[in-house]
């Protein structure tokens, strides 16, 4: 299997970490989405990463769809079997992915528009969502122990992306969230391997 990825993508990092943790053997293939490589476009009409390509050549895309596939392939290593607990994990994953959506909207607004066309109210609106999400997470961090789940990997990937693009802009007043990666690292020491 192959995972087409970009090192800066939080969704790619989430998928790669979770697949590794669950024991799914998949080669990580560095992919430049701006170049529209055939390996990506032929596998995913949206041209987005991550995209997982199975041994049979089937393409699976969207990070949550990939994690559900990994979970099925590894007999439930990423999501709890209990329906209520599974819903909690899926909501945590959705929140972390949603924060990443807002962060990427800010990055793209600044990257692809000339300075005079940057719409600051749009950036401010996205950052308000980020702030609410981070405050919620700081007050409601998931229990983190040896048995990790998809929500943990989404949280780790989101915080890694925050550090990459918004260093020093989010930690103040959120000590639990700021210190959480150290706890995660204890249970998933390979975390740093997935930043490149």
N, C-alpha and C. Protein backbone atom coordinates (compact mmCIF):
# COMPACT_ATOMS: atom_id res chain seq x y z
N UNK A 1 0.85 -1.19 0.00
CA UNK A 1 0.00 0.00 0.00
C UNK A 1 0.88 1.24 0.00
N UNK A 2 0.30 2.33 -0.47
CA UNK A 2 1.02 3.60 -0.52
C UNK A 2 0.13 4.70 0.04
N UNK A 3 0.76 5.64 0.75
CA UNK A 3 0.08 6.85 1.19
C UNK A 3 0.77 8.01 0.51
N UNK A 4 0.05 8.68 -0.38
CA UNK A 4 0.56 9.89 -1.01
C UNK A 4 0.38 11.02 -0.01
N UNK A 5 1.47 11.75 0.26
CA UNK A 5 1.41 12.73 1.34
C UNK A 5 2.28 13.94 1.06
N UNK A 6 2.08 14.97 1.87
CA UNK A 6 2.95 16.14 1.92
C UNK A 6 3.32 16.33 3.38
N UNK A 7 4.58 16.62 3.71
CA UNK A 7 4.99 16.70 5.11
C UNK A 7 4.30 17.81 5.90
N UNK A 8 3.90 18.88 5.24
CA UNK A 8 3.26 19.99 5.96
C UNK A 8 1.78 19.73 6.22
N UNK A 9 1.20 18.77 5.55
CA UNK A 9 -0.24 18.52 5.66
C UNK A 9 -0.59 17.84 6.98
N UNK A 10 -1.42 18.49 7.80
CA UNK A 10 -1.82 17.83 9.06
C UNK A 10 -2.63 16.57 8.82
N UNK A 11 -3.42 16.55 7.75
CA UNK A 11 -4.23 15.37 7.46
C UNK A 11 -3.34 14.20 7.04
N UNK A 12 -2.29 14.49 6.28
CA UNK A 12 -1.32 13.45 5.92
C UNK A 12 -0.64 12.90 7.15
N UNK A 13 -0.24 13.80 8.05
CA UNK A 13 0.47 13.37 9.25
C UNK A 13 -0.42 12.52 10.14
N UNK A 14 -1.68 12.92 10.25
CA UNK A 14 -2.64 12.14 11.04
C UNK A 14 -2.73 10.72 10.50
N UNK A 15 -2.90 10.59 9.19
CA UNK A 15 -3.06 9.29 8.55
C UNK A 15 -1.79 8.45 8.69
N UNK A 16 -0.65 9.05 8.46
CA UNK A 16 0.60 8.29 8.51
C UNK A 16 0.89 7.81 9.93
N UNK A 17 0.67 8.67 10.93
CA UNK A 17 0.88 8.25 12.32
C UNK A 17 -0.07 7.12 12.70
N UNK A 18 -1.35 7.31 12.38
CA UNK A 18 -2.36 6.32 12.77
C UNK A 18 -2.12 4.98 12.08
N UNK A 19 -1.77 5.00 10.81
CA UNK A 19 -1.50 3.76 10.09
C UNK A 19 -0.31 3.03 10.69
N UNK A 20 0.72 3.79 11.03
CA UNK A 20 1.91 3.20 11.65
C UNK A 20 1.55 2.58 13.00
N UNK A 21 0.82 3.32 13.81
CA UNK A 21 0.42 2.84 15.14
C UNK A 21 -0.43 1.56 15.03
N UNK A 22 -1.34 1.55 14.08
CA UNK A 22 -2.25 0.42 13.92
C UNK A 22 -1.58 -0.80 13.30
N UNK A 23 -0.39 -0.59 12.73
CA UNK A 23 0.34 -1.71 12.14
C UNK A 23 0.03 -1.96 10.67
N UNK A 24 -0.56 -0.97 10.00
CA UNK A 24 -0.84 -1.11 8.57
C UNK A 24 0.45 -0.78 7.81
N UNK A 25 0.91 -1.71 7.02
CA UNK A 25 2.13 -1.49 6.26
C UNK A 25 1.82 -0.69 5.00
N UNK A 26 2.34 0.54 4.95
CA UNK A 26 2.10 1.40 3.80
C UNK A 26 3.32 2.29 3.58
N UNK A 27 3.75 2.36 2.35
CA UNK A 27 4.88 3.22 1.99
C UNK A 27 4.40 4.66 1.87
N UNK A 28 5.11 5.58 2.50
CA UNK A 28 4.80 7.01 2.37
C UNK A 28 5.48 7.55 1.13
N UNK A 29 4.70 8.14 0.22
CA UNK A 29 5.23 8.66 -1.05
C UNK A 29 5.04 10.17 -1.06
N UNK A 30 6.14 10.90 -0.97
CA UNK A 30 6.11 12.36 -0.99
C UNK A 30 5.51 12.83 -2.31
N UNK A 31 4.52 13.72 -2.22
CA UNK A 31 3.74 14.12 -3.40
C UNK A 31 3.55 15.63 -3.43
N UNK A 32 3.89 16.24 -4.56
CA UNK A 32 3.71 17.68 -4.75
C UNK A 32 2.36 17.92 -5.42
N UNK A 33 1.38 18.36 -4.64
CA UNK A 33 0.04 18.54 -5.20
C UNK A 33 -0.01 19.65 -6.24
N UNK A 34 0.88 20.65 -6.13
CA UNK A 34 0.88 21.75 -7.10
C UNK A 34 1.28 21.29 -8.50
N UNK A 35 2.01 20.18 -8.57
CA UNK A 35 2.47 19.67 -9.88
C UNK A 35 1.44 18.77 -10.55
N UNK A 36 0.34 18.47 -9.84
CA UNK A 36 -0.68 17.55 -10.38
C UNK A 36 -0.06 16.27 -10.96
N UNK A 37 0.75 15.57 -10.17
CA UNK A 37 1.38 14.35 -10.71
C UNK A 37 0.33 13.30 -11.06
N UNK A 38 0.56 12.56 -12.14
CA UNK A 38 -0.40 11.53 -12.54
C UNK A 38 -0.68 10.53 -11.42
N UNK A 39 0.34 10.22 -10.61
CA UNK A 39 0.13 9.26 -9.53
C UNK A 39 -0.96 9.73 -8.57
N UNK A 40 -1.11 11.04 -8.42
CA UNK A 40 -2.15 11.58 -7.55
C UNK A 40 -3.46 11.79 -8.31
N UNK A 41 -3.39 12.47 -9.44
CA UNK A 41 -4.60 12.81 -10.20
C UNK A 41 -5.33 11.56 -10.67
N UNK A 42 -4.58 10.54 -11.06
CA UNK A 42 -5.21 9.30 -11.51
C UNK A 42 -5.83 8.53 -10.35
N UNK A 43 -5.38 8.83 -9.14
CA UNK A 43 -5.88 8.13 -7.95
C UNK A 43 -6.98 8.90 -7.22
N UNK A 44 -6.96 10.21 -7.35
CA UNK A 44 -7.91 11.05 -6.63
C UNK A 44 -8.28 12.23 -7.53
N UNK A 45 -9.49 12.27 -8.06
CA UNK A 45 -9.86 13.34 -8.98
C UNK A 45 -9.77 14.73 -8.34
N UNK A 46 -9.79 14.80 -7.02
CA UNK A 46 -9.66 16.09 -6.36
C UNK A 46 -8.21 16.56 -6.29
N UNK A 47 -7.28 15.65 -6.52
CA UNK A 47 -5.87 16.01 -6.48
C UNK A 47 -5.40 16.39 -5.09
N UNK A 48 -6.01 15.80 -4.07
CA UNK A 48 -5.68 16.16 -2.69
C UNK A 48 -4.97 15.02 -1.98
N UNK A 49 -4.21 15.42 -0.97
CA UNK A 49 -3.56 14.44 -0.14
C UNK A 49 -4.10 14.57 1.27
N UNK A 50 -4.08 13.49 2.05
CA UNK A 50 -3.52 12.18 1.71
C UNK A 50 -4.46 11.36 0.84
N UNK A 51 -3.85 10.50 0.07
CA UNK A 51 -4.59 9.48 -0.69
C UNK A 51 -3.90 8.16 -0.42
N UNK A 52 -4.68 7.17 -0.04
CA UNK A 52 -4.13 5.83 0.19
C UNK A 52 -4.47 4.97 -1.02
N UNK A 53 -3.47 4.27 -1.51
CA UNK A 53 -3.67 3.35 -2.63
C UNK A 53 -3.41 1.94 -2.11
N UNK A 54 -4.43 1.09 -2.20
CA UNK A 54 -4.31 -0.26 -1.67
C UNK A 54 -3.46 -1.13 -2.61
N UNK A 55 -3.14 -2.32 -2.13
CA UNK A 55 -2.36 -3.26 -2.95
C UNK A 55 -3.11 -3.63 -4.23
N UNK A 56 -4.44 -3.55 -4.17
CA UNK A 56 -5.25 -3.88 -5.35
C UNK A 56 -5.42 -2.68 -6.28
N UNK A 57 -4.86 -1.52 -5.90
CA UNK A 57 -4.96 -0.33 -6.74
C UNK A 57 -6.17 0.53 -6.44
N UNK A 58 -6.93 0.20 -5.40
CA UNK A 58 -8.09 1.01 -5.03
C UNK A 58 -7.61 2.25 -4.30
N UNK A 59 -8.22 3.40 -4.62
CA UNK A 59 -7.85 4.66 -3.99
C UNK A 59 -8.85 5.04 -2.91
N UNK A 60 -8.32 5.47 -1.79
CA UNK A 60 -9.16 5.94 -0.68
C UNK A 60 -8.66 7.32 -0.31
N UNK A 61 -9.56 8.28 -0.28
CA UNK A 61 -9.15 9.64 0.06
C UNK A 61 -10.12 10.30 1.02
N UNK A 62 -9.62 11.36 1.60
CA UNK A 62 -10.14 12.08 2.77
C UNK A 62 -9.58 11.33 3.98
N UNK A 63 -8.94 12.08 4.86
CA UNK A 63 -8.23 11.45 5.96
C UNK A 63 -9.14 10.61 6.84
N UNK A 64 -10.38 11.04 7.05
CA UNK A 64 -11.27 10.26 7.91
C UNK A 64 -11.68 8.95 7.22
N UNK A 65 -11.93 9.00 5.93
CA UNK A 65 -12.25 7.76 5.19
C UNK A 65 -11.06 6.80 5.26
N UNK A 66 -9.86 7.34 5.15
CA UNK A 66 -8.67 6.49 5.23
C UNK A 66 -8.56 5.86 6.62
N UNK A 67 -8.78 6.64 7.67
CA UNK A 67 -8.67 6.08 9.01
C UNK A 67 -9.73 5.02 9.28
N UNK A 68 -10.92 5.20 8.74
CA UNK A 68 -11.94 4.16 8.89
C UNK A 68 -11.51 2.88 8.16
N UNK A 69 -10.89 3.04 7.00
CA UNK A 69 -10.37 1.88 6.27
C UNK A 69 -9.27 1.19 7.08
N UNK A 70 -8.34 1.98 7.61
CA UNK A 70 -7.25 1.42 8.42
C UNK A 70 -7.83 0.67 9.63
N UNK A 71 -8.83 1.27 10.25
CA UNK A 71 -9.45 0.65 11.42
C UNK A 71 -10.04 -0.72 11.06
N UNK A 72 -10.72 -0.80 9.92
CA UNK A 72 -11.30 -2.08 9.49
C UNK A 72 -10.21 -3.10 9.17
N UNK A 73 -9.15 -2.62 8.50
CA UNK A 73 -8.07 -3.52 8.11
C UNK A 73 -7.30 -4.06 9.31
N UNK A 74 -7.30 -3.31 10.40
CA UNK A 74 -6.50 -3.70 11.58
C UNK A 74 -7.39 -4.16 12.74
N UNK A 75 -8.63 -4.51 12.42
CA UNK A 75 -9.57 -5.07 13.40
C UNK A 75 -9.80 -4.16 14.61
N UNK A 76 -10.05 -2.89 14.30
CA UNK A 76 -10.49 -1.97 15.35
C UNK A 76 -9.40 -1.34 16.19
N UNK A 77 -8.24 -1.07 15.59
CA UNK A 77 -7.14 -0.49 16.36
C UNK A 77 -7.28 1.03 16.58
N UNK A 78 -8.17 1.71 15.83
CA UNK A 78 -8.21 3.17 15.90
C UNK A 78 -9.47 3.76 16.52
N UNK A 79 -10.54 2.98 16.56
CA UNK A 79 -11.81 3.49 17.10
C UNK A 79 -12.37 2.47 18.10
N UNK A 80 -12.93 2.96 19.20
CA UNK A 80 -13.53 2.04 20.17
C UNK A 80 -14.71 1.29 19.57
N UNK A 81 -14.97 0.11 20.09
CA UNK A 81 -16.13 -0.67 19.63
C UNK A 81 -17.43 -0.14 20.24
N UNK A 82 -17.35 0.37 21.46
CA UNK A 82 -18.52 0.91 22.14
C UNK A 82 -19.04 2.11 21.34
N UNK A 83 -20.32 2.10 20.93
CA UNK A 83 -20.83 3.18 20.06
C UNK A 83 -20.69 4.58 20.66
N UNK A 84 -20.98 4.75 21.95
CA UNK A 84 -20.90 6.08 22.57
C UNK A 84 -19.45 6.57 22.61
N UNK A 85 -18.52 5.67 22.95
CA UNK A 85 -17.11 6.06 23.01
C UNK A 85 -16.57 6.33 21.60
N UNK A 86 -17.03 5.54 20.64
CA UNK A 86 -16.60 5.78 19.25
C UNK A 86 -17.07 7.15 18.78
N UNK A 87 -18.30 7.50 19.12
CA UNK A 87 -18.80 8.83 18.73
C UNK A 87 -17.95 9.93 19.34
N UNK A 88 -17.54 9.78 20.58
CA UNK A 88 -16.67 10.78 21.23
C UNK A 88 -15.36 10.94 20.46
N UNK A 89 -14.78 9.82 20.06
CA UNK A 89 -13.52 9.85 19.30
C UNK A 89 -13.73 10.53 17.95
N UNK A 90 -14.83 10.19 17.28
CA UNK A 90 -15.10 10.78 15.96
C UNK A 90 -15.34 12.29 16.08
N UNK A 91 -15.97 12.73 17.17
CA UNK A 91 -16.19 14.17 17.37
C UNK A 91 -14.87 14.88 17.63
N UNK A 92 -14.01 14.27 18.44
CA UNK A 92 -12.68 14.86 18.69
C UNK A 92 -11.91 14.98 17.39
N UNK A 93 -11.94 13.93 16.59
CA UNK A 93 -11.25 13.96 15.29
C UNK A 93 -11.83 15.06 14.40
N UNK A 94 -13.15 15.17 14.36
CA UNK A 94 -13.79 16.20 13.53
C UNK A 94 -13.42 17.60 14.01
N UNK A 95 -13.36 17.80 15.32
CA UNK A 95 -12.98 19.11 15.86
C UNK A 95 -11.55 19.47 15.46
N UNK A 96 -10.64 18.53 15.64
CA UNK A 96 -9.24 18.80 15.29
C UNK A 96 -9.07 19.03 13.79
N UNK A 97 -9.75 18.24 12.99
CA UNK A 97 -9.70 18.45 11.53
C UNK A 97 -10.33 19.79 11.16
N UNK A 98 -11.41 20.17 11.83
CA UNK A 98 -12.06 21.45 11.56
C UNK A 98 -11.16 22.62 11.90
N UNK A 99 -10.42 22.51 13.00
CA UNK A 99 -9.45 23.56 13.34
C UNK A 99 -8.40 23.65 12.23
N UNK A 100 -7.94 22.50 11.76
CA UNK A 100 -6.97 22.50 10.65
C UNK A 100 -7.56 23.15 9.40
N UNK A 101 -8.83 22.90 9.12
CA UNK A 101 -9.49 23.54 7.97
C UNK A 101 -9.39 25.05 8.08
N UNK A 102 -9.65 25.58 9.28
CA UNK A 102 -9.60 27.04 9.49
C UNK A 102 -8.16 27.56 9.37
N UNK A 103 -7.21 26.83 9.94
CA UNK A 103 -5.81 27.25 9.85
C UNK A 103 -5.34 27.27 8.40
N UNK A 104 -5.71 26.25 7.64
CA UNK A 104 -5.32 26.22 6.23
C UNK A 104 -5.99 27.34 5.44
N UNK A 105 -7.23 27.68 5.78
CA UNK A 105 -7.91 28.79 5.11
C UNK A 105 -7.13 30.09 5.32
N UNK A 106 -6.60 30.28 6.52
CA UNK A 106 -5.79 31.48 6.82
C UNK A 106 -4.50 31.46 6.02
N UNK A 107 -3.82 30.32 6.04
CA UNK A 107 -2.54 30.20 5.32
C UNK A 107 -2.74 30.45 3.83
N UNK A 108 -3.78 29.85 3.25
CA UNK A 108 -4.02 30.01 1.82
C UNK A 108 -4.43 31.44 1.46
N UNK A 109 -5.20 32.07 2.33
CA UNK A 109 -5.60 33.46 2.09
C UNK A 109 -4.36 34.34 1.97
N UNK A 110 -3.39 34.11 2.84
CA UNK A 110 -2.16 34.93 2.83
C UNK A 110 -1.22 34.52 1.70
N UNK A 111 -1.20 33.22 1.37
CA UNK A 111 -0.24 32.72 0.40
C UNK A 111 -0.64 33.03 -1.04
N UNK A 112 -1.94 32.95 -1.34
CA UNK A 112 -2.35 33.02 -2.73
C UNK A 112 -2.95 34.36 -3.16
N UNK A 113 -3.06 35.29 -2.25
CA UNK A 113 -3.56 36.61 -2.61
C UNK A 113 -2.47 37.66 -2.42
N UNK A 114 -2.39 38.62 -3.32
CA UNK A 114 -1.45 39.72 -3.08
C UNK A 114 -1.89 40.48 -1.84
N UNK A 115 -0.96 41.16 -1.17
CA UNK A 115 -1.28 41.83 0.10
C UNK A 115 -2.53 42.71 0.04
N UNK A 116 -2.73 43.42 -1.06
CA UNK A 116 -3.87 44.33 -1.14
C UNK A 116 -5.21 43.60 -1.31
N UNK A 117 -5.15 42.30 -1.62
CA UNK A 117 -6.39 41.53 -1.80
C UNK A 117 -6.69 40.60 -0.62
N UNK A 118 -5.79 40.56 0.35
CA UNK A 118 -6.03 39.72 1.53
C UNK A 118 -7.21 40.28 2.29
N UNK A 119 -8.16 39.42 2.61
CA UNK A 119 -9.39 39.84 3.28
C UNK A 119 -9.25 39.54 4.78
N UNK A 120 -8.85 40.55 5.54
CA UNK A 120 -8.59 40.35 6.96
C UNK A 120 -9.83 39.89 7.74
N UNK A 121 -11.03 40.39 7.43
CA UNK A 121 -12.19 39.87 8.16
C UNK A 121 -12.37 38.36 8.00
N UNK A 122 -12.03 37.82 6.84
CA UNK A 122 -12.10 36.37 6.63
C UNK A 122 -11.09 35.66 7.54
N UNK A 123 -9.87 36.19 7.60
CA UNK A 123 -8.84 35.62 8.46
C UNK A 123 -9.28 35.68 9.92
N UNK A 124 -9.82 36.84 10.32
CA UNK A 124 -10.27 37.00 11.71
C UNK A 124 -11.37 36.01 12.06
N UNK A 125 -12.27 35.79 11.14
CA UNK A 125 -13.38 34.85 11.36
C UNK A 125 -12.85 33.43 11.55
N UNK A 126 -11.89 33.04 10.72
CA UNK A 126 -11.30 31.71 10.84
C UNK A 126 -10.56 31.57 12.17
N UNK A 127 -9.84 32.63 12.56
CA UNK A 127 -9.07 32.56 13.80
C UNK A 127 -10.00 32.49 15.02
N UNK A 128 -11.16 33.14 14.95
CA UNK A 128 -12.14 33.03 16.04
C UNK A 128 -12.54 31.57 16.25
N UNK A 129 -12.74 30.84 15.16
CA UNK A 129 -13.11 29.43 15.25
C UNK A 129 -11.97 28.62 15.86
N UNK A 130 -10.75 28.93 15.44
CA UNK A 130 -9.58 28.25 15.98
C UNK A 130 -9.50 28.47 17.49
N UNK A 131 -9.66 29.72 17.91
CA UNK A 131 -9.58 30.06 19.34
C UNK A 131 -10.63 29.29 20.14
N UNK A 132 -11.86 29.28 19.65
CA UNK A 132 -12.91 28.54 20.36
C UNK A 132 -12.58 27.05 20.45
N UNK A 133 -12.10 26.50 19.35
CA UNK A 133 -11.74 25.08 19.33
C UNK A 133 -10.60 24.76 20.28
N UNK A 134 -9.57 25.60 20.28
CA UNK A 134 -8.42 25.37 21.17
C UNK A 134 -8.82 25.51 22.63
N UNK A 135 -9.64 26.51 22.93
CA UNK A 135 -10.11 26.68 24.30
C UNK A 135 -10.91 25.47 24.77
N UNK A 136 -11.75 24.96 23.89
CA UNK A 136 -12.54 23.78 24.22
C UNK A 136 -11.62 22.58 24.49
N UNK A 137 -10.64 22.40 23.62
CA UNK A 137 -9.72 21.27 23.79
C UNK A 137 -8.91 21.40 25.08
N UNK A 138 -8.46 22.62 25.39
CA UNK A 138 -7.69 22.82 26.61
C UNK A 138 -8.51 22.41 27.84
N UNK A 139 -9.80 22.66 27.80
CA UNK A 139 -10.69 22.32 28.92
C UNK A 139 -11.19 20.88 28.86
N UNK A 140 -11.05 20.23 27.71
CA UNK A 140 -11.63 18.89 27.54
C UNK A 140 -10.66 17.94 26.83
N UNK A 141 -9.43 17.91 27.27
CA UNK A 141 -8.46 17.03 26.62
C UNK A 141 -8.86 15.57 26.80
N UNK A 142 -8.60 14.75 25.78
CA UNK A 142 -8.95 13.33 25.92
C UNK A 142 -8.00 12.64 26.89
N UNK A 143 -8.51 11.60 27.54
CA UNK A 143 -7.63 10.77 28.35
C UNK A 143 -6.60 10.15 27.41
N UNK A 144 -5.34 10.25 27.79
CA UNK A 144 -4.28 9.75 26.91
C UNK A 144 -3.47 8.71 27.66
N UNK A 145 -3.52 7.49 27.16
CA UNK A 145 -2.80 6.37 27.78
C UNK A 145 -2.23 5.50 26.66
N UNK A 146 -1.81 4.31 27.02
CA UNK A 146 -1.14 3.44 26.05
C UNK A 146 -2.03 3.08 24.87
N UNK A 147 -3.35 2.96 25.08
CA UNK A 147 -4.25 2.66 23.97
C UNK A 147 -4.69 3.97 23.34
N UNK A 148 -4.11 4.28 22.21
CA UNK A 148 -4.43 5.52 21.50
C UNK A 148 -5.56 5.27 20.51
N UNK A 149 -6.17 6.36 20.05
CA UNK A 149 -7.24 6.25 19.06
C UNK A 149 -7.11 7.36 18.02
N UNK A 150 -7.99 7.33 17.05
CA UNK A 150 -7.93 8.28 15.93
C UNK A 150 -7.94 9.73 16.40
N UNK A 151 -8.70 10.03 17.45
CA UNK A 151 -8.75 11.40 17.95
C UNK A 151 -7.41 11.89 18.45
N UNK A 152 -6.64 11.01 19.08
CA UNK A 152 -5.30 11.39 19.53
C UNK A 152 -4.41 11.79 18.35
N UNK A 153 -4.51 11.03 17.27
CA UNK A 153 -3.65 11.32 16.11
C UNK A 153 -4.10 12.61 15.42
N UNK A 154 -5.39 12.87 15.40
CA UNK A 154 -5.89 14.13 14.83
C UNK A 154 -5.41 15.30 15.67
N UNK A 155 -5.45 15.16 16.99
CA UNK A 155 -5.00 16.23 17.89
C UNK A 155 -3.50 16.47 17.73
N UNK A 156 -2.72 15.40 17.68
CA UNK A 156 -1.27 15.54 17.52
C UNK A 156 -0.92 16.23 16.19
N UNK A 157 -1.60 15.83 15.13
CA UNK A 157 -1.34 16.43 13.81
C UNK A 157 -1.72 17.89 13.79
N UNK A 158 -2.85 18.24 14.42
CA UNK A 158 -3.29 19.63 14.46
C UNK A 158 -2.31 20.49 15.23
N UNK A 159 -1.84 20.02 16.39
CA UNK A 159 -0.89 20.80 17.19
C UNK A 159 0.46 20.94 16.48
N UNK A 160 0.87 19.91 15.76
CA UNK A 160 2.11 19.99 14.99
C UNK A 160 1.98 21.06 13.91
N UNK A 161 0.81 21.12 13.25
CA UNK A 161 0.60 22.13 12.21
C UNK A 161 0.56 23.53 12.83
N UNK A 162 -0.08 23.67 13.96
CA UNK A 162 -0.10 24.96 14.66
C UNK A 162 1.32 25.44 14.93
N UNK A 163 2.15 24.53 15.41
CA UNK A 163 3.54 24.91 15.70
C UNK A 163 4.30 25.28 14.43
N UNK A 164 3.99 24.61 13.34
CA UNK A 164 4.67 24.88 12.08
C UNK A 164 4.31 26.26 11.53
N UNK A 165 3.03 26.60 11.53
CA UNK A 165 2.57 27.82 10.87
C UNK A 165 2.22 28.98 11.81
N UNK A 166 1.98 28.68 13.09
CA UNK A 166 1.49 29.72 14.00
C UNK A 166 2.26 29.66 15.33
N UNK A 167 3.55 29.46 15.25
CA UNK A 167 4.38 29.36 16.46
C UNK A 167 4.19 30.59 17.34
N UNK A 168 3.96 30.35 18.62
CA UNK A 168 3.84 31.44 19.58
C UNK A 168 2.51 32.17 19.58
N UNK A 169 1.59 31.78 18.72
CA UNK A 169 0.32 32.51 18.60
C UNK A 169 -0.85 31.82 19.31
N UNK A 170 -0.63 30.66 19.91
CA UNK A 170 -1.77 29.90 20.41
C UNK A 170 -1.60 29.36 21.84
N UNK A 171 -0.38 29.33 22.36
CA UNK A 171 -0.12 28.64 23.62
C UNK A 171 -0.63 29.38 24.86
N UNK A 172 -0.62 30.70 24.84
CA UNK A 172 -0.93 31.48 26.04
C UNK A 172 -2.33 31.15 26.57
N UNK A 173 -2.38 30.84 27.87
CA UNK A 173 -3.65 30.53 28.51
C UNK A 173 -4.15 29.12 28.26
N UNK A 174 -3.33 28.29 27.61
CA UNK A 174 -3.74 26.92 27.31
C UNK A 174 -2.65 25.94 27.74
N UNK A 175 -2.31 25.92 29.03
CA UNK A 175 -1.18 25.08 29.48
C UNK A 175 -1.39 23.59 29.25
N UNK A 176 -2.61 23.11 29.44
CA UNK A 176 -2.85 21.67 29.26
C UNK A 176 -2.63 21.27 27.80
N UNK A 177 -3.15 22.10 26.91
CA UNK A 177 -3.00 21.81 25.48
C UNK A 177 -1.54 21.94 25.05
N UNK A 178 -0.87 22.95 25.57
CA UNK A 178 0.54 23.18 25.23
C UNK A 178 1.41 22.00 25.66
N UNK A 179 1.08 21.40 26.81
CA UNK A 179 1.90 20.31 27.34
C UNK A 179 1.47 18.92 26.86
N UNK A 180 0.32 18.83 26.20
CA UNK A 180 -0.19 17.53 25.79
C UNK A 180 0.75 16.76 24.87
N UNK A 181 1.43 17.40 23.90
CA UNK A 181 2.31 16.62 23.01
C UNK A 181 3.37 15.81 23.76
N UNK A 182 3.84 16.31 24.91
CA UNK A 182 4.84 15.55 25.67
C UNK A 182 4.22 14.25 26.20
N UNK A 183 2.98 14.32 26.63
CA UNK A 183 2.28 13.12 27.11
C UNK A 183 2.07 12.15 25.94
N UNK A 184 1.63 12.68 24.80
CA UNK A 184 1.40 11.85 23.61
C UNK A 184 2.70 11.16 23.20
N UNK A 185 3.81 11.89 23.25
CA UNK A 185 5.12 11.37 22.85
C UNK A 185 5.51 10.14 23.69
N UNK A 186 5.10 10.12 24.95
CA UNK A 186 5.42 8.98 25.81
C UNK A 186 4.78 7.69 25.28
N UNK A 187 3.57 7.82 24.75
CA UNK A 187 2.85 6.65 24.28
C UNK A 187 3.04 6.40 22.78
N UNK A 188 3.55 7.40 22.08
CA UNK A 188 3.82 7.26 20.64
C UNK A 188 5.15 7.93 20.34
N UNK A 189 6.26 7.28 20.74
CA UNK A 189 7.58 7.90 20.59
C UNK A 189 7.99 8.17 19.14
N UNK A 190 7.30 7.54 18.18
CA UNK A 190 7.64 7.76 16.76
C UNK A 190 7.05 9.06 16.20
N UNK A 191 6.36 9.84 17.03
CA UNK A 191 5.67 11.05 16.59
C UNK A 191 6.53 11.95 15.70
N UNK A 192 7.78 12.18 16.10
CA UNK A 192 8.62 13.14 15.36
C UNK A 192 8.99 12.64 13.96
N UNK A 193 8.89 11.35 13.70
CA UNK A 193 9.22 10.81 12.37
C UNK A 193 8.26 11.28 11.29
N UNK A 194 7.09 11.72 11.71
CA UNK A 194 6.03 12.02 10.73
C UNK A 194 5.92 13.51 10.44
N UNK A 195 6.95 14.25 10.78
CA UNK A 195 6.95 15.69 10.48
C UNK A 195 7.69 15.99 9.19
N UNK A 196 8.22 14.94 8.55
CA UNK A 196 8.97 15.15 7.30
C UNK A 196 8.46 14.19 6.24
